[in-house]
């Protein structure tokens, strides 16, 4: 598989000498899309928004959170994914809209767990169970919802329909408001609908293909070493 080949070449070059880039240097996992490795940028106790710098891979301060607006779960992205043409097409298909494209970022993921994890910049294994189809302007910005693998409370959930309504409402509210800033006009973020595990798997698979297409030049460059 092309994606695996890219990862193998990166691994041989970087090895243990350098910290792996969380987007490009971390393997999504052999069992994707049913189980994925996640890079966690934020945890519920964070009072500011952190985001991985796309060039360096280091976690950076993005912006303060809106007052009393905290991430409802572990929040980050799935390595070696890219929301591009295929993710945008799927959004158009499922919403009946036209002109929606992927947002050009790795696929976001929200991981439910009962464990208190004190900081981000960590990797975890998660089981996708559904997602929110979020549109920001004319960009598809899907949010996959997953459970932490082997979690005592949430680990038994197989589909997002099993998650309590109040938990879903908190996640949805966060995604609809986390980009708002005091004294600024609200943006055009919308969530047309929530989707199940099977659709989440399809979004992940499309984002993996979008990644291969977007970064196939990286694999070509590495193959010369």
N, C-alpha and C. Protein backbone atom coordinates (compact mmCIF):
# COMPACT_ATOMS: atom_id res chain seq x y z
N UNK A 1 0.85 -1.20 0.00
CA UNK A 1 0.00 0.00 0.00
C UNK A 1 0.88 1.23 0.00
N UNK A 2 0.53 2.23 -0.83
CA UNK A 2 1.35 3.42 -0.98
C UNK A 2 1.56 4.16 0.33
N UNK A 3 0.49 4.25 1.12
CA UNK A 3 0.59 4.97 2.39
C UNK A 3 1.59 4.29 3.32
N UNK A 4 1.56 2.96 3.38
CA UNK A 4 2.49 2.22 4.22
C UNK A 4 3.92 2.42 3.73
N UNK A 5 4.11 2.47 2.41
CA UNK A 5 5.44 2.67 1.86
C UNK A 5 6.01 4.02 2.27
N UNK A 6 5.15 5.05 2.24
CA UNK A 6 5.59 6.38 2.67
C UNK A 6 6.03 6.33 4.12
N UNK A 7 5.23 5.69 4.96
CA UNK A 7 5.54 5.62 6.38
C UNK A 7 6.85 4.87 6.62
N UNK A 8 7.07 3.76 5.92
CA UNK A 8 8.27 2.96 6.10
C UNK A 8 9.52 3.77 5.76
N UNK A 9 9.45 4.54 4.69
CA UNK A 9 10.60 5.32 4.27
C UNK A 9 10.89 6.46 5.24
N UNK A 10 9.83 7.10 5.72
CA UNK A 10 10.01 8.15 6.73
C UNK A 10 10.66 7.55 7.98
N UNK A 11 10.15 6.39 8.40
CA UNK A 11 10.68 5.75 9.59
C UNK A 11 12.15 5.41 9.47
N UNK A 12 12.57 4.90 8.30
CA UNK A 12 13.98 4.54 8.10
C UNK A 12 14.87 5.78 8.16
N UNK A 13 14.38 6.88 7.62
CA UNK A 13 15.18 8.10 7.59
C UNK A 13 15.29 8.76 8.96
N UNK A 14 14.18 8.79 9.67
CA UNK A 14 14.13 9.53 10.93
C UNK A 14 14.53 8.68 12.13
N UNK A 15 14.04 7.42 12.13
CA UNK A 15 14.38 6.49 13.20
C UNK A 15 14.10 7.05 14.58
N UNK A 16 15.04 6.81 15.46
CA UNK A 16 14.91 7.29 16.84
C UNK A 16 15.67 8.60 17.05
N UNK A 17 16.21 9.15 16.00
CA UNK A 17 17.06 10.34 16.14
C UNK A 17 16.24 11.60 16.35
N UNK A 18 15.05 11.65 15.73
CA UNK A 18 14.22 12.84 15.82
C UNK A 18 12.81 12.46 16.26
N UNK A 19 12.12 13.45 16.77
CA UNK A 19 10.71 13.25 17.11
C UNK A 19 9.89 13.17 15.83
N UNK A 20 9.03 12.18 15.72
CA UNK A 20 8.21 12.03 14.52
C UNK A 20 7.20 13.15 14.41
N UNK A 21 6.97 13.62 13.21
CA UNK A 21 5.93 14.61 12.96
C UNK A 21 4.58 13.93 13.20
N UNK A 22 3.70 14.51 14.03
CA UNK A 22 2.45 13.82 14.39
C UNK A 22 1.50 13.61 13.22
N UNK A 23 1.63 14.41 12.17
CA UNK A 23 0.75 14.25 11.01
C UNK A 23 1.33 13.24 10.01
N UNK A 24 2.60 13.39 9.69
CA UNK A 24 3.20 12.59 8.62
C UNK A 24 4.05 11.42 9.12
N UNK A 25 4.57 11.52 10.34
CA UNK A 25 5.52 10.52 10.82
C UNK A 25 4.94 9.49 11.75
N UNK A 26 3.64 9.57 12.02
CA UNK A 26 2.97 8.60 12.90
C UNK A 26 2.05 7.73 12.06
N UNK A 27 2.12 6.44 12.25
CA UNK A 27 1.31 5.49 11.49
C UNK A 27 -0.14 5.53 11.95
N UNK A 28 -1.07 5.55 11.01
CA UNK A 28 -2.49 5.55 11.34
C UNK A 28 -2.92 4.24 11.98
N UNK A 29 -2.20 3.16 11.71
CA UNK A 29 -2.52 1.85 12.29
C UNK A 29 -2.97 0.85 11.25
N UNK A 30 -2.62 -0.41 11.47
CA UNK A 30 -2.94 -1.47 10.51
C UNK A 30 -4.43 -1.74 10.38
N UNK A 31 -5.22 -1.42 11.42
CA UNK A 31 -6.64 -1.77 11.42
C UNK A 31 -7.56 -0.60 11.05
N UNK A 32 -6.97 0.49 10.58
CA UNK A 32 -7.81 1.62 10.14
C UNK A 32 -8.70 1.17 8.98
N UNK A 33 -9.98 1.61 8.94
CA UNK A 33 -10.58 2.67 9.75
C UNK A 33 -11.31 2.20 11.02
N UNK A 34 -11.30 0.89 11.31
CA UNK A 34 -12.05 0.41 12.49
C UNK A 34 -11.35 0.76 13.80
N UNK A 35 -10.04 0.92 13.75
CA UNK A 35 -9.25 1.37 14.90
C UNK A 35 -8.15 2.26 14.38
N UNK A 36 -7.96 3.42 14.99
CA UNK A 36 -6.98 4.37 14.48
C UNK A 36 -6.11 4.92 15.61
N UNK A 37 -4.90 5.27 15.24
CA UNK A 37 -4.05 6.03 16.13
C UNK A 37 -4.46 7.50 16.03
N UNK A 38 -4.50 8.18 17.16
CA UNK A 38 -4.88 9.60 17.19
C UNK A 38 -3.77 10.41 17.83
N UNK A 39 -3.59 11.62 17.33
CA UNK A 39 -2.72 12.58 18.00
C UNK A 39 -3.62 13.57 18.72
N UNK A 40 -3.49 13.64 20.04
CA UNK A 40 -4.35 14.50 20.85
C UNK A 40 -3.68 15.85 21.09
N UNK A 41 -4.36 16.91 20.65
CA UNK A 41 -3.86 18.26 20.84
C UNK A 41 -4.40 18.90 22.12
N UNK A 42 -5.66 18.59 22.46
CA UNK A 42 -6.31 19.25 23.57
C UNK A 42 -7.02 18.24 24.47
N UNK A 43 -7.13 18.61 25.76
CA UNK A 43 -7.88 17.82 26.73
C UNK A 43 -8.91 18.75 27.39
N UNK A 44 -9.92 18.18 28.06
CA UNK A 44 -11.00 19.02 28.61
C UNK A 44 -10.56 20.10 29.58
N UNK A 45 -9.42 19.95 30.23
CA UNK A 45 -8.98 20.95 31.20
C UNK A 45 -8.29 22.15 30.56
N UNK A 46 -8.03 22.11 29.27
CA UNK A 46 -7.35 23.22 28.60
C UNK A 46 -8.25 24.45 28.51
N UNK A 47 -7.70 25.59 28.88
CA UNK A 47 -8.46 26.84 28.82
C UNK A 47 -8.09 27.69 27.61
N UNK A 48 -7.13 27.21 26.82
CA UNK A 48 -6.78 27.84 25.56
C UNK A 48 -6.77 26.75 24.49
N UNK A 49 -6.80 27.14 23.23
CA UNK A 49 -6.82 26.15 22.15
C UNK A 49 -5.40 25.91 21.65
N UNK A 50 -4.99 24.65 21.68
CA UNK A 50 -3.71 24.26 21.13
C UNK A 50 -3.92 23.58 19.78
N UNK A 51 -2.91 23.70 18.93
CA UNK A 51 -3.00 23.08 17.61
C UNK A 51 -1.59 22.72 17.15
N UNK A 52 -1.46 21.56 16.52
CA UNK A 52 -0.16 21.15 16.01
C UNK A 52 0.25 22.05 14.85
N UNK A 53 1.44 22.58 14.91
CA UNK A 53 1.97 23.38 13.81
C UNK A 53 2.25 22.45 12.63
N UNK A 54 1.66 22.74 11.48
CA UNK A 54 1.74 21.82 10.35
C UNK A 54 3.15 21.69 9.79
N UNK A 55 3.98 22.72 9.95
CA UNK A 55 5.34 22.67 9.40
C UNK A 55 6.29 21.92 10.32
N UNK A 56 6.26 22.23 11.62
CA UNK A 56 7.24 21.66 12.53
C UNK A 56 6.73 20.43 13.27
N UNK A 57 5.41 20.32 13.44
CA UNK A 57 4.85 19.22 14.22
C UNK A 57 4.76 19.51 15.69
N UNK A 58 5.30 20.64 16.14
CA UNK A 58 5.22 20.99 17.55
C UNK A 58 3.85 21.57 17.89
N UNK A 59 3.41 21.34 19.12
CA UNK A 59 2.14 21.86 19.57
C UNK A 59 2.30 23.35 19.86
N UNK A 60 1.39 24.15 19.32
CA UNK A 60 1.50 25.60 19.50
C UNK A 60 0.19 26.16 20.05
N UNK A 61 0.27 27.32 20.66
CA UNK A 61 -0.91 28.03 21.13
C UNK A 61 -1.61 28.64 19.93
N UNK A 62 -2.88 28.27 19.74
CA UNK A 62 -3.65 28.78 18.61
C UNK A 62 -4.39 30.05 18.99
N UNK A 63 -5.26 29.95 19.98
CA UNK A 63 -6.01 31.12 20.44
C UNK A 63 -6.69 30.80 21.77
N UNK A 64 -7.04 31.85 22.54
CA UNK A 64 -7.80 31.60 23.77
C UNK A 64 -9.16 31.00 23.44
N UNK A 65 -9.68 30.19 24.35
CA UNK A 65 -11.02 29.67 24.19
C UNK A 65 -12.04 30.76 24.50
N UNK A 66 -13.21 30.64 23.90
CA UNK A 66 -14.29 31.51 24.30
C UNK A 66 -14.60 31.25 25.78
N UNK A 67 -15.08 32.25 26.48
CA UNK A 67 -15.32 32.11 27.92
C UNK A 67 -16.13 30.85 28.22
N UNK A 68 -15.66 30.07 29.20
CA UNK A 68 -16.35 28.88 29.70
C UNK A 68 -16.62 27.85 28.60
N UNK A 69 -15.76 27.82 27.59
CA UNK A 69 -15.93 26.87 26.51
C UNK A 69 -14.73 25.91 26.51
N UNK A 70 -14.94 24.71 27.02
CA UNK A 70 -13.88 23.74 27.14
C UNK A 70 -14.15 22.54 26.24
N UNK A 71 -13.08 21.95 25.74
CA UNK A 71 -13.25 20.75 24.92
C UNK A 71 -13.96 19.67 25.73
N UNK A 72 -15.00 19.05 25.19
CA UNK A 72 -15.78 18.07 25.96
C UNK A 72 -15.13 16.70 26.04
N UNK A 73 -14.02 16.51 25.32
CA UNK A 73 -13.34 15.21 25.30
C UNK A 73 -11.94 15.44 24.75
N UNK A 74 -11.17 14.37 24.64
CA UNK A 74 -9.87 14.48 23.99
C UNK A 74 -10.08 14.90 22.53
N UNK A 75 -9.28 15.85 22.07
CA UNK A 75 -9.53 16.39 20.73
C UNK A 75 -8.21 16.51 19.97
N UNK A 76 -8.20 16.00 18.75
CA UNK A 76 -7.00 16.07 17.93
C UNK A 76 -7.29 15.65 16.51
N UNK A 77 -6.36 14.89 15.92
CA UNK A 77 -6.56 14.48 14.53
C UNK A 77 -6.00 13.08 14.30
N UNK A 78 -6.36 12.53 13.15
CA UNK A 78 -5.89 11.21 12.76
C UNK A 78 -4.69 11.38 11.83
N UNK A 79 -3.52 10.87 12.21
CA UNK A 79 -2.34 11.00 11.36
C UNK A 79 -2.53 10.37 9.98
N UNK A 80 -1.80 10.90 9.01
CA UNK A 80 -1.80 10.38 7.65
C UNK A 80 -3.20 10.39 7.03
N UNK A 81 -3.95 11.42 7.36
CA UNK A 81 -5.23 11.68 6.69
C UNK A 81 -5.21 13.12 6.18
N UNK A 82 -6.07 13.40 5.20
CA UNK A 82 -6.14 14.73 4.61
C UNK A 82 -7.56 14.93 4.08
N UNK A 83 -8.17 16.03 4.48
CA UNK A 83 -9.53 16.32 4.00
C UNK A 83 -9.43 17.09 2.69
N UNK A 84 -9.52 16.35 1.61
CA UNK A 84 -9.35 16.93 0.29
C UNK A 84 -10.55 16.68 -0.61
N UNK A 85 -10.28 16.33 -1.85
CA UNK A 85 -11.32 16.21 -2.87
C UNK A 85 -12.36 15.14 -2.52
N UNK A 86 -11.89 13.96 -2.10
CA UNK A 86 -12.83 12.86 -1.85
C UNK A 86 -13.71 13.13 -0.63
N UNK A 87 -13.15 13.74 0.41
CA UNK A 87 -13.95 14.09 1.59
C UNK A 87 -14.97 15.16 1.22
N UNK A 88 -14.56 16.14 0.41
CA UNK A 88 -15.49 17.17 -0.04
C UNK A 88 -16.62 16.62 -0.87
N UNK A 89 -16.29 15.70 -1.78
CA UNK A 89 -17.32 15.08 -2.62
C UNK A 89 -18.34 14.32 -1.78
N UNK A 90 -17.86 13.63 -0.76
CA UNK A 90 -18.76 12.86 0.10
C UNK A 90 -19.70 13.80 0.86
N UNK A 91 -19.19 14.93 1.29
CA UNK A 91 -20.02 15.93 1.96
C UNK A 91 -21.10 16.45 1.03
N UNK A 92 -20.74 16.76 -0.21
CA UNK A 92 -21.72 17.20 -1.19
C UNK A 92 -22.80 16.15 -1.41
N UNK A 93 -22.36 14.90 -1.52
CA UNK A 93 -23.29 13.79 -1.75
C UNK A 93 -24.28 13.63 -0.61
N UNK A 94 -23.80 13.72 0.63
CA UNK A 94 -24.63 13.45 1.79
C UNK A 94 -25.50 14.64 2.20
N UNK A 95 -25.13 15.84 1.79
CA UNK A 95 -25.90 17.03 2.18
C UNK A 95 -26.73 17.60 1.05
N UNK A 96 -26.43 17.18 -0.18
CA UNK A 96 -27.12 17.75 -1.33
C UNK A 96 -26.60 19.13 -1.71
N UNK A 97 -25.50 19.54 -1.10
CA UNK A 97 -24.91 20.84 -1.42
C UNK A 97 -23.98 20.71 -2.62
N UNK A 98 -23.52 21.84 -3.11
CA UNK A 98 -22.56 21.87 -4.21
C UNK A 98 -21.41 22.80 -3.84
N UNK A 99 -20.24 22.49 -4.37
CA UNK A 99 -19.10 23.37 -4.19
C UNK A 99 -18.38 23.24 -2.87
N UNK A 100 -18.68 22.18 -2.09
CA UNK A 100 -17.98 21.97 -0.83
C UNK A 100 -16.69 21.20 -1.11
N UNK A 101 -15.59 21.68 -0.57
CA UNK A 101 -14.31 21.00 -0.71
C UNK A 101 -13.77 20.68 0.68
N UNK A 102 -12.79 19.78 0.75
CA UNK A 102 -12.16 19.48 2.03
C UNK A 102 -11.40 20.69 2.55
N UNK A 103 -11.21 20.76 3.85
CA UNK A 103 -10.60 21.97 4.44
C UNK A 103 -9.08 21.97 4.38
N UNK A 104 -8.48 20.91 3.82
CA UNK A 104 -7.03 20.91 3.65
C UNK A 104 -6.25 20.59 4.91
N UNK A 105 -6.91 20.05 5.92
CA UNK A 105 -6.28 19.68 7.17
C UNK A 105 -6.41 18.18 7.40
N UNK A 106 -5.66 17.63 8.35
CA UNK A 106 -5.91 16.24 8.73
C UNK A 106 -7.30 16.10 9.33
N UNK A 107 -7.82 14.88 9.33
CA UNK A 107 -9.17 14.61 9.81
C UNK A 107 -9.25 14.75 11.32
N UNK A 108 -10.15 15.60 11.80
CA UNK A 108 -10.30 15.84 13.24
C UNK A 108 -11.02 14.67 13.91
N UNK A 109 -10.69 14.45 15.19
CA UNK A 109 -11.32 13.38 15.95
C UNK A 109 -11.52 13.80 17.39
N UNK A 110 -12.63 13.39 17.96
CA UNK A 110 -12.99 13.65 19.35
C UNK A 110 -13.10 12.29 20.03
N UNK A 111 -12.28 12.05 21.06
CA UNK A 111 -12.19 10.73 21.69
C UNK A 111 -12.80 10.77 23.08
N UNK A 112 -13.83 9.95 23.29
CA UNK A 112 -14.52 9.89 24.57
C UNK A 112 -13.82 8.93 25.52
N UNK A 113 -13.62 9.37 26.75
CA UNK A 113 -13.02 8.52 27.77
C UNK A 113 -13.43 9.01 29.15
N UNK A 114 -13.50 8.10 30.11
CA UNK A 114 -13.79 8.50 31.48
C UNK A 114 -12.50 8.81 32.24
N UNK A 115 -11.36 8.53 31.64
CA UNK A 115 -10.07 8.79 32.29
C UNK A 115 -9.75 10.28 32.28
N UNK A 116 -9.12 10.76 33.34
CA UNK A 116 -8.67 12.15 33.40
C UNK A 116 -7.24 12.22 32.86
N UNK A 117 -7.11 12.76 31.66
CA UNK A 117 -5.81 12.90 31.02
C UNK A 117 -5.43 14.37 31.09
N UNK A 118 -4.26 14.66 31.64
CA UNK A 118 -3.94 16.03 32.06
C UNK A 118 -3.39 16.93 30.96
N UNK A 119 -2.89 16.36 29.88
CA UNK A 119 -2.29 17.23 28.85
C UNK A 119 -2.36 16.57 27.48
N UNK A 120 -2.23 17.39 26.45
CA UNK A 120 -2.21 16.89 25.09
C UNK A 120 -0.80 16.55 24.65
N UNK A 121 -0.58 16.57 23.33
CA UNK A 121 0.69 16.17 22.73
C UNK A 121 0.98 14.71 23.04
N UNK A 122 -0.06 13.87 22.90
CA UNK A 122 0.07 12.44 23.17
C UNK A 122 -0.60 11.66 22.04
N UNK A 123 -0.25 10.39 21.96
CA UNK A 123 -0.90 9.47 21.03
C UNK A 123 -1.80 8.53 21.79
N UNK A 124 -2.91 8.12 21.16
CA UNK A 124 -3.77 7.11 21.77
C UNK A 124 -4.42 6.28 20.67
N UNK A 125 -4.93 5.13 21.06
CA UNK A 125 -5.65 4.26 20.14
C UNK A 125 -7.15 4.44 20.38
N UNK A 126 -7.90 4.63 19.30
CA UNK A 126 -9.32 4.91 19.44
C UNK A 126 -10.15 4.12 18.45
N UNK A 127 -11.42 3.90 18.81
CA UNK A 127 -12.36 3.16 17.98
C UNK A 127 -13.43 4.15 17.47
N UNK A 128 -13.42 4.49 16.18
CA UNK A 128 -14.43 5.40 15.65
C UNK A 128 -15.83 4.80 15.74
N UNK A 129 -16.81 5.60 16.20
CA UNK A 129 -18.19 5.12 16.33
C UNK A 129 -19.19 6.02 15.61
N UNK A 130 -18.72 7.07 14.97
CA UNK A 130 -19.63 7.98 14.25
C UNK A 130 -18.95 9.30 14.01
N UNK A 131 -19.77 10.33 13.76
CA UNK A 131 -19.18 11.64 13.53
C UNK A 131 -20.21 12.71 13.27
N UNK A 132 -19.71 13.94 13.19
CA UNK A 132 -20.53 15.10 12.84
C UNK A 132 -20.07 15.61 11.48
N UNK A 133 -21.01 15.83 10.59
CA UNK A 133 -20.67 16.44 9.31
C UNK A 133 -20.72 17.95 9.50
N UNK A 134 -19.57 18.54 9.68
CA UNK A 134 -19.47 19.97 9.93
C UNK A 134 -18.99 20.69 8.69
N UNK A 135 -19.61 21.83 8.40
CA UNK A 135 -19.24 22.65 7.24
C UNK A 135 -18.88 24.04 7.75
N UNK A 136 -17.69 24.48 7.42
CA UNK A 136 -17.20 25.80 7.83
C UNK A 136 -17.03 26.64 6.57
N UNK A 137 -17.99 27.54 6.33
CA UNK A 137 -18.01 28.26 5.06
C UNK A 137 -18.37 27.30 3.96
N UNK A 138 -17.45 27.05 3.04
CA UNK A 138 -17.68 26.06 1.99
C UNK A 138 -16.69 24.90 2.10
N UNK A 139 -16.21 24.66 3.32
CA UNK A 139 -15.22 23.61 3.55
C UNK A 139 -15.79 22.50 4.43
N UNK A 140 -15.55 21.26 4.02
CA UNK A 140 -15.92 20.11 4.84
C UNK A 140 -14.91 19.97 5.97
N UNK A 141 -15.41 19.97 7.20
CA UNK A 141 -14.55 19.92 8.38
C UNK A 141 -15.10 18.85 9.34
N UNK A 142 -15.20 17.62 8.82
CA UNK A 142 -15.80 16.52 9.58
C UNK A 142 -15.12 16.32 10.92
N UNK A 143 -15.92 15.92 11.91
CA UNK A 143 -15.42 15.60 13.24
C UNK A 143 -15.79 14.15 13.55
N UNK A 144 -14.81 13.28 13.52
CA UNK A 144 -15.04 11.89 13.87
C UNK A 144 -15.18 11.78 15.39
N UNK A 145 -16.15 11.00 15.85
CA UNK A 145 -16.33 10.72 17.27
C UNK A 145 -15.89 9.28 17.51
N UNK A 146 -15.03 9.09 18.50
CA UNK A 146 -14.49 7.76 18.79
C UNK A 146 -14.47 7.54 20.30
N UNK A 147 -14.21 6.30 20.68
CA UNK A 147 -14.03 5.97 22.10
C UNK A 147 -12.60 5.49 22.29
N UNK A 148 -12.04 5.82 23.43
CA UNK A 148 -10.69 5.35 23.74
C UNK A 148 -10.70 3.83 23.84
N UNK A 149 -9.77 3.19 23.20
CA UNK A 149 -9.71 1.73 23.21
C UNK A 149 -9.58 1.22 24.64
N UNK A 150 -10.42 0.26 24.97
CA UNK A 150 -10.43 -0.39 26.29
C UNK A 150 -10.86 0.53 27.42
N UNK A 151 -11.52 1.65 27.09
CA UNK A 151 -12.01 2.54 28.14
C UNK A 151 -13.07 1.83 28.98
N UNK A 152 -13.02 2.04 30.29
CA UNK A 152 -13.91 1.33 31.21
C UNK A 152 -15.38 1.67 30.96
N UNK A 153 -15.68 2.94 30.70
CA UNK A 153 -17.06 3.38 30.52
C UNK A 153 -17.47 3.40 29.05
N UNK A 154 -16.73 4.13 28.25
CA UNK A 154 -17.12 4.34 26.85
C UNK A 154 -16.67 3.21 25.92
N UNK A 155 -15.77 2.35 26.39
CA UNK A 155 -15.22 1.33 25.53
C UNK A 155 -16.23 0.34 24.99
N UNK A 156 -17.39 0.22 25.63
CA UNK A 156 -18.41 -0.72 25.17
C UNK A 156 -19.32 -0.14 24.09
N UNK A 157 -19.24 1.15 23.84
CA UNK A 157 -20.10 1.77 22.83
C UNK A 157 -19.61 1.37 21.43
N UNK A 158 -20.53 0.88 20.62
CA UNK A 158 -20.20 0.44 19.27
C UNK A 158 -20.64 1.45 18.20
N UNK A 159 -21.57 2.34 18.55
CA UNK A 159 -22.06 3.32 17.59
C UNK A 159 -22.44 4.60 18.33
N UNK A 160 -22.38 5.70 17.65
CA UNK A 160 -22.66 6.99 18.28
C UNK A 160 -24.09 7.08 18.81
N UNK A 161 -24.99 6.27 18.28
CA UNK A 161 -26.37 6.25 18.76
C UNK A 161 -26.48 5.78 20.21
N UNK A 162 -25.44 5.12 20.73
CA UNK A 162 -25.44 4.63 22.10
C UNK A 162 -24.95 5.69 23.10
N UNK A 163 -24.34 6.76 22.60
CA UNK A 163 -23.80 7.80 23.47
C UNK A 163 -24.96 8.63 24.04
N UNK A 164 -24.95 8.94 25.34
CA UNK A 164 -26.04 9.73 25.93
C UNK A 164 -26.26 11.05 25.20
N UNK A 165 -27.54 11.45 25.10
CA UNK A 165 -27.90 12.67 24.37
C UNK A 165 -27.18 13.90 24.91
N UNK A 166 -27.02 13.98 26.23
CA UNK A 166 -26.37 15.15 26.82
C UNK A 166 -24.91 15.25 26.40
N UNK A 167 -24.25 14.10 26.29
CA UNK A 167 -22.86 14.11 25.84
C UNK A 167 -22.76 14.55 24.39
N UNK A 168 -23.68 14.08 23.55
CA UNK A 168 -23.71 14.49 22.15
C UNK A 168 -23.97 15.99 22.04
N UNK A 169 -24.90 16.50 22.85
CA UNK A 169 -25.23 17.93 22.81
C UNK A 169 -24.02 18.78 23.18
N UNK A 170 -23.24 18.33 24.17
CA UNK A 170 -22.05 19.08 24.57
C UNK A 170 -21.02 19.12 23.45
N UNK A 171 -20.81 17.98 22.79
CA UNK A 171 -19.85 17.93 21.70
C UNK A 171 -20.29 18.84 20.56
N UNK A 172 -21.55 18.75 20.20
CA UNK A 172 -22.08 19.56 19.11
C UNK A 172 -21.96 21.05 19.44
N UNK A 173 -22.32 21.43 20.66
CA UNK A 173 -22.23 22.84 21.06
C UNK A 173 -20.79 23.33 20.97
N UNK A 174 -19.85 22.52 21.40
CA UNK A 174 -18.45 22.92 21.35
C UNK A 174 -18.02 23.19 19.91
N UNK A 175 -18.33 22.26 19.01
CA UNK A 175 -17.92 22.43 17.63
C UNK A 175 -18.57 23.63 16.95
N UNK A 176 -19.78 23.96 17.37
CA UNK A 176 -20.47 25.10 16.77
C UNK A 176 -20.00 26.44 17.32
N UNK A 177 -19.30 26.42 18.46
CA UNK A 177 -18.95 27.69 19.10
C UNK A 177 -17.45 27.88 19.35
N UNK A 178 -16.63 26.84 19.18
CA UNK A 178 -15.23 26.96 19.62
C UNK A 178 -14.41 27.92 18.78
N UNK A 179 -14.90 28.29 17.60
CA UNK A 179 -14.18 29.26 16.79
C UNK A 179 -14.66 30.69 17.03
N UNK A 180 -15.73 30.83 17.81
CA UNK A 180 -16.23 32.18 18.13
C UNK A 180 -15.24 32.88 19.06
N UNK A 181 -15.08 34.17 18.85
CA UNK A 181 -14.26 34.99 19.72
C UNK A 181 -15.07 36.17 20.22
N UNK A 182 -14.84 36.61 21.46
CA UNK A 182 -15.57 37.76 21.97
C UNK A 182 -15.40 38.98 21.07
N UNK A 183 -16.48 39.73 20.91
CA UNK A 183 -16.48 40.98 20.13
C UNK A 183 -16.24 40.76 18.64
N UNK A 184 -16.41 39.53 18.17
CA UNK A 184 -16.28 39.27 16.74
C UNK A 184 -17.58 38.67 16.22
N UNK A 185 -17.87 38.93 14.95
CA UNK A 185 -19.07 38.39 14.34
C UNK A 185 -18.95 36.88 14.21
N UNK A 186 -20.04 36.17 14.48
CA UNK A 186 -20.02 34.72 14.39
C UNK A 186 -19.80 34.26 12.95
N UNK A 187 -19.13 33.12 12.81
CA UNK A 187 -18.85 32.58 11.50
C UNK A 187 -20.03 31.82 10.92
N UNK A 188 -19.74 31.06 9.87
CA UNK A 188 -20.80 30.35 9.16
C UNK A 188 -20.64 28.84 9.35
N UNK A 189 -20.37 28.42 10.57
CA UNK A 189 -20.20 27.00 10.86
C UNK A 189 -21.58 26.35 11.05
N UNK A 190 -21.77 25.18 10.42
CA UNK A 190 -23.02 24.45 10.58
C UNK A 190 -22.74 22.96 10.66
N UNK A 191 -23.64 22.25 11.34
CA UNK A 191 -23.59 20.79 11.40
C UNK A 191 -24.91 20.27 10.85
N UNK A 192 -24.95 19.91 9.56
CA UNK A 192 -26.20 19.44 8.95
C UNK A 192 -26.74 18.17 9.59
N UNK A 193 -25.85 17.27 9.98
CA UNK A 193 -26.31 16.04 10.61
C UNK A 193 -25.16 15.29 11.26
N UNK A 194 -25.53 14.30 12.02
CA UNK A 194 -24.61 13.37 12.67
C UNK A 194 -24.68 12.06 11.89
N UNK A 195 -23.57 11.31 11.85
CA UNK A 195 -23.61 10.05 11.11
C UNK A 195 -23.05 8.88 11.93
N UNK A 196 -23.34 7.67 11.47
CA UNK A 196 -23.04 6.46 12.23
C UNK A 196 -21.62 5.94 11.97
N UNK A 197 -21.33 4.80 12.55
CA UNK A 197 -20.00 4.21 12.47
C UNK A 197 -19.58 3.91 11.03
N UNK A 198 -20.50 3.33 10.25
CA UNK A 198 -20.16 2.96 8.89
C UNK A 198 -19.79 4.18 8.05
N UNK A 199 -20.52 5.27 8.24
CA UNK A 199 -20.22 6.48 7.48
C UNK A 199 -18.91 7.10 7.96
N UNK A 200 -18.63 6.98 9.25
CA UNK A 200 -17.36 7.47 9.78
C UNK A 200 -16.20 6.70 9.15
N UNK A 201 -16.36 5.39 9.01
CA UNK A 201 -15.33 4.59 8.36
C UNK A 201 -15.08 5.05 6.93
N UNK A 202 -16.16 5.39 6.22
CA UNK A 202 -16.03 5.85 4.84
C UNK A 202 -15.29 7.20 4.78
N UNK A 203 -15.60 8.10 5.71
CA UNK A 203 -14.90 9.39 5.75
C UNK A 203 -13.41 9.17 6.00
N UNK A 204 -13.09 8.27 6.93
CA UNK A 204 -11.68 7.99 7.23
C UNK A 204 -10.98 7.42 6.01
N UNK A 205 -11.60 6.45 5.34
CA UNK A 205 -10.99 5.85 4.17
C UNK A 205 -10.75 6.88 3.08
N UNK A 206 -11.72 7.77 2.88
CA UNK A 206 -11.55 8.81 1.87
C UNK A 206 -10.42 9.78 2.25
N UNK A 207 -10.32 10.09 3.53
CA UNK A 207 -9.26 11.00 3.96
C UNK A 207 -7.88 10.34 3.82
N UNK A 208 -7.82 9.03 3.98
CA UNK A 208 -6.57 8.32 3.77
C UNK A 208 -6.17 8.36 2.30
N UNK A 209 -7.15 8.20 1.40
CA UNK A 209 -6.85 8.29 -0.04
C UNK A 209 -6.49 9.71 -0.43
N UNK A 210 -7.16 10.69 0.16
CA UNK A 210 -6.82 12.08 -0.11
C UNK A 210 -5.39 12.38 0.33
N UNK A 211 -4.98 11.77 1.44
CA UNK A 211 -3.62 11.98 1.93
C UNK A 211 -2.59 11.42 0.94
N UNK A 212 -2.84 10.21 0.49
CA UNK A 212 -1.92 9.59 -0.47
C UNK A 212 -1.79 10.45 -1.72
N UNK A 213 -2.92 10.94 -2.22
CA UNK A 213 -2.90 11.78 -3.42
C UNK A 213 -2.17 13.08 -3.17
N UNK A 214 -2.41 13.69 -2.01
CA UNK A 214 -1.81 14.99 -1.71
C UNK A 214 -0.31 14.88 -1.49
N UNK A 215 0.12 13.79 -0.88
CA UNK A 215 1.53 13.68 -0.50
C UNK A 215 2.26 12.56 -1.24
N UNK A 216 1.78 12.20 -2.43
CA UNK A 216 2.48 11.17 -3.19
C UNK A 216 3.87 11.64 -3.60
N UNK A 217 4.05 12.96 -3.74
CA UNK A 217 5.36 13.50 -4.07
C UNK A 217 6.36 13.22 -2.96
N UNK A 218 5.86 13.20 -1.71
CA UNK A 218 6.73 12.90 -0.57
C UNK A 218 7.27 11.48 -0.68
N UNK A 219 6.41 10.55 -1.05
CA UNK A 219 6.86 9.17 -1.22
C UNK A 219 7.87 9.04 -2.34
N UNK A 220 7.65 9.78 -3.45
CA UNK A 220 8.59 9.73 -4.58
C UNK A 220 9.96 10.26 -4.16
N UNK A 221 9.93 11.36 -3.36
CA UNK A 221 11.20 11.95 -2.93
C UNK A 221 11.96 11.02 -2.01
N UNK A 222 11.25 10.39 -1.09
CA UNK A 222 11.90 9.51 -0.12
C UNK A 222 12.44 8.24 -0.77
N UNK A 223 11.81 7.81 -1.87
CA UNK A 223 12.24 6.57 -2.53
C UNK A 223 13.61 6.71 -3.16
N UNK A 224 14.10 7.93 -3.32
CA UNK A 224 15.40 8.14 -3.94
C UNK A 224 16.56 7.95 -2.94
N UNK A 225 16.21 7.82 -1.64
CA UNK A 225 17.27 7.66 -0.64
C UNK A 225 17.69 6.20 -0.52
